Amino acid sequence: MANRFSFLLLAGLMFLCTAVLGQDTATRVIDGATQQQNTETGPVNEFFRSNSKIYVAVGLLVIIFICLVLYLVRLDRRLTRLEKE
């Protein structure tokens, strides 16, 4: 039970870090002055946003992440069961 709690805590913290650090704009320091860099422009981002493909890409990443988590939980259960035997 403690392993599952620590795993879920770690996964939650990783998600929180991704949500906090994944921002739309980036700041660069050049010659002591900060410049705001707009990351929403560009041909790739415009393509994804114009065709609503960004939601498909994010959805696929979420599905892959959920599948990996479920696989690891299932593997942990099997290993725990084998250790008990």
C-alpha atoms as a PDB file:
ATOM      1  CA  MET A   1       0.000   0.000   0.000  1.00  0.00           C
ATOM      2  CA  ALA A   2       2.868   2.357   0.791  1.00  0.00           C
ATOM      3  CA  ASN A   3       4.436   1.681  -2.613  1.00  0.00           C
ATOM      4  CA  ARG A   4       1.247   2.639  -4.413  1.00  0.00           C
ATOM      5  CA  PHE A   5       0.854   5.797  -2.360  1.00  0.00           C
ATOM      6  CA  SER A   6       4.431   6.883  -3.029  1.00  0.00           C
ATOM      7  CA  PHE A   7       4.041   6.083  -6.729  1.00  0.00           C
ATOM      8  CA  LEU A   8       0.838   8.102  -6.975  1.00  0.00           C
ATOM      9  CA  LEU A   9       2.450  10.944  -5.060  1.00  0.00           C
ATOM     10  CA  LEU A  10       5.430  10.931  -7.417  1.00  0.00           C
ATOM     11  CA  ALA A  11       3.179  10.834 -10.490  1.00  0.00           C
ATOM     12  CA  GLY A  12       1.089  13.693  -9.110  1.00  0.00           C
ATOM     13  CA  LEU A  13       4.155  15.804  -8.417  1.00  0.00           C
ATOM     14  CA  MET A  14       5.492  15.136 -11.910  1.00  0.00           C
ATOM     15  CA  PHE A  15       2.168  16.197 -13.408  1.00  0.00           C
ATOM     16  CA  LEU A  16       2.113  19.301 -11.224  1.00  0.00           C
ATOM     17  CA  CYS A  17       5.634  20.253 -12.330  1.00  0.00           C
ATOM     18  CA  THR A  18       4.644  19.783 -15.949  1.00  0.00           C
ATOM     19  CA  ALA A  19       1.531  21.909 -15.507  1.00  0.00           C
ATOM     20  CA  VAL A  20       3.424  24.668 -13.716  1.00  0.00           C
ATOM     21  CA  LEU A  21       6.424  24.769 -16.033  1.00  0.00           C
ATOM     22  CA  GLY A  22       4.514  24.241 -19.292  1.00  0.00           C
ATOM     23  CA  GLN A  23       3.701  27.845 -20.095  1.00  0.00           C
ATOM     24  CA  ASP A  24       2.785  29.550 -23.347  1.00  0.00           C
ATOM     25  CA  THR A  25       5.605  32.062 -23.280  1.00  0.00           C
ATOM     26  CA  ALA A  26       9.285  31.767 -22.476  1.00  0.00           C
ATOM     27  CA  THR A  27      11.561  34.425 -21.049  1.00  0.00           C
ATOM     28  CA  ARG A  28      15.126  34.846 -22.242  1.00  0.00           C
ATOM     29  CA  VAL A  29      17.827  36.983 -20.678  1.00  0.00           C
ATOM     30  CA  ILE A  30      19.996  38.750 -23.238  1.00  0.00           C
ATOM     31  CA  ASP A  31      22.571  41.324 -22.139  1.00  0.00           C
ATOM     32  CA  GLY A  32      20.926  41.703 -18.734  1.00  0.00           C
ATOM     33  CA  ALA A  33      17.502  42.505 -20.211  1.00  0.00           C
ATOM     34  CA  THR A  34      14.655  40.029 -20.260  1.00  0.00           C
ATOM     35  CA  GLN A  35      12.847  39.468 -23.514  1.00  0.00           C
ATOM     36  CA  GLN A  36       9.527  37.738 -23.874  1.00  0.00           C
ATOM     37  CA  GLN A  37       9.541  35.050 -26.543  1.00  0.00           C
ATOM     38  CA  ASN A  38       6.188  34.101 -27.970  1.00  0.00           C
ATOM     39  CA  THR A  39       6.025  30.350 -28.509  1.00  0.00           C
ATOM     40  CA  GLU A  40       2.495  30.349 -29.902  1.00  0.00           C
ATOM     41  CA  THR A  41       3.652  31.472 -33.328  1.00  0.00           C
ATOM     42  CA  GLY A  42       5.445  29.276 -35.773  1.00  0.00           C
ATOM     43  CA  PRO A  43       4.402  27.036 -38.605  1.00  0.00           C
ATOM     44  CA  VAL A  44       4.086  23.868 -36.518  1.00  0.00           C
ATOM     45  CA  ASN A  45       1.978  25.441 -33.786  1.00  0.00           C
ATOM     46  CA  GLU A  46      -0.177  27.283 -36.297  1.00  0.00           C
ATOM     47  CA  PHE A  47      -0.802  24.021 -38.163  1.00  0.00           C
ATOM     48  CA  PHE A  48      -1.767  22.153 -35.004  1.00  0.00           C
ATOM     49  CA  ARG A  49      -4.016  24.942 -33.758  1.00  0.00           C
ATOM     50  CA  SER A  50      -5.673  25.649 -37.107  1.00  0.00           C
ATOM     51  CA  ASN A  51      -6.739  22.043 -37.603  1.00  0.00           C
ATOM     52  CA  SER A  52      -7.386  21.370 -33.886  1.00  0.00           C
ATOM     53  CA  LYS A  53      -4.728  18.676 -34.054  1.00  0.00           C
ATOM     54  CA  ILE A  54      -3.162  19.912 -30.810  1.00  0.00           C
ATOM     55  CA  TYR A  55      -6.007  18.267 -28.894  1.00  0.00           C
ATOM     56  CA  VAL A  56      -5.390  14.993 -30.718  1.00  0.00           C
ATOM     57  CA  ALA A  57      -1.693  15.100 -29.866  1.00  0.00           C
ATOM     58  CA  VAL A  58      -2.363  15.926 -26.208  1.00  0.00           C
ATOM     59  CA  GLY A  59      -5.021  13.222 -26.051  1.00  0.00           C
ATOM     60  CA  LEU A  60      -2.627  10.619 -27.416  1.00  0.00           C
ATOM     61  CA  LEU A  61       0.038  11.618 -24.912  1.00  0.00           C
ATOM     62  CA  VAL A  62      -2.468  11.313 -22.064  1.00  0.00           C
ATOM     63  CA  ILE A  63      -3.602   7.898 -23.284  1.00  0.00           C
ATOM     64  CA  ILE A  64       0.007   6.676 -23.549  1.00  0.00           C
ATOM     65  CA  PHE A  65       0.796   7.973 -20.060  1.00  0.00           C
ATOM     66  CA  ILE A  66      -2.299   6.301 -18.572  1.00  0.00           C
ATOM     67  CA  CYS A  67      -1.419   3.007 -20.285  1.00  0.00           C
ATOM     68  CA  LEU A  68       2.118   3.142 -18.889  1.00  0.00           C
ATOM     69  CA  VAL A  69       0.820   3.830 -15.381  1.00  0.00           C
ATOM     70  CA  LEU A  70      -1.690   0.982 -15.594  1.00  0.00           C
ATOM     71  CA  TYR A  71       1.009  -1.363 -16.878  1.00  0.00           C
ATOM     72  CA  LEU A  72       3.328  -0.466 -14.004  1.00  0.00           C
ATOM     73  CA  VAL A  73       0.564  -0.927 -11.425  1.00  0.00           C
ATOM     74  CA  ARG A  74      -0.304  -4.322 -12.902  1.00  0.00           C
ATOM     75  CA  LEU A  75       3.366  -5.324 -12.941  1.00  0.00           C
ATOM     76  CA  ASP A  76       3.741  -4.221  -9.323  1.00  0.00           C
ATOM     77  CA  ARG A  77       0.762  -6.360  -8.298  1.00  0.00           C
ATOM     78  CA  ARG A  78       2.195  -9.408 -10.051  1.00  0.00           C
ATOM     79  CA  LEU A  79       5.607  -8.940  -8.467  1.00  0.00           C
ATOM     80  CA  THR A  80       4.062  -8.506  -5.030  1.00  0.00           C
ATOM     81  CA  ARG A  81       2.057 -11.678  -5.513  1.00  0.00           C
ATOM     82  CA  LEU A  82       5.197 -13.588  -6.617  1.00  0.00           C
ATOM     83  CA  GLU A  83       7.161 -12.275  -3.642  1.00  0.00           C
ATOM     84  CA  LYS A  84       4.487 -13.536  -1.244  1.00  0.00           C
ATOM     85  CA  GLU A  85       4.597 -17.054  -2.748  1.00  0.00           C
END
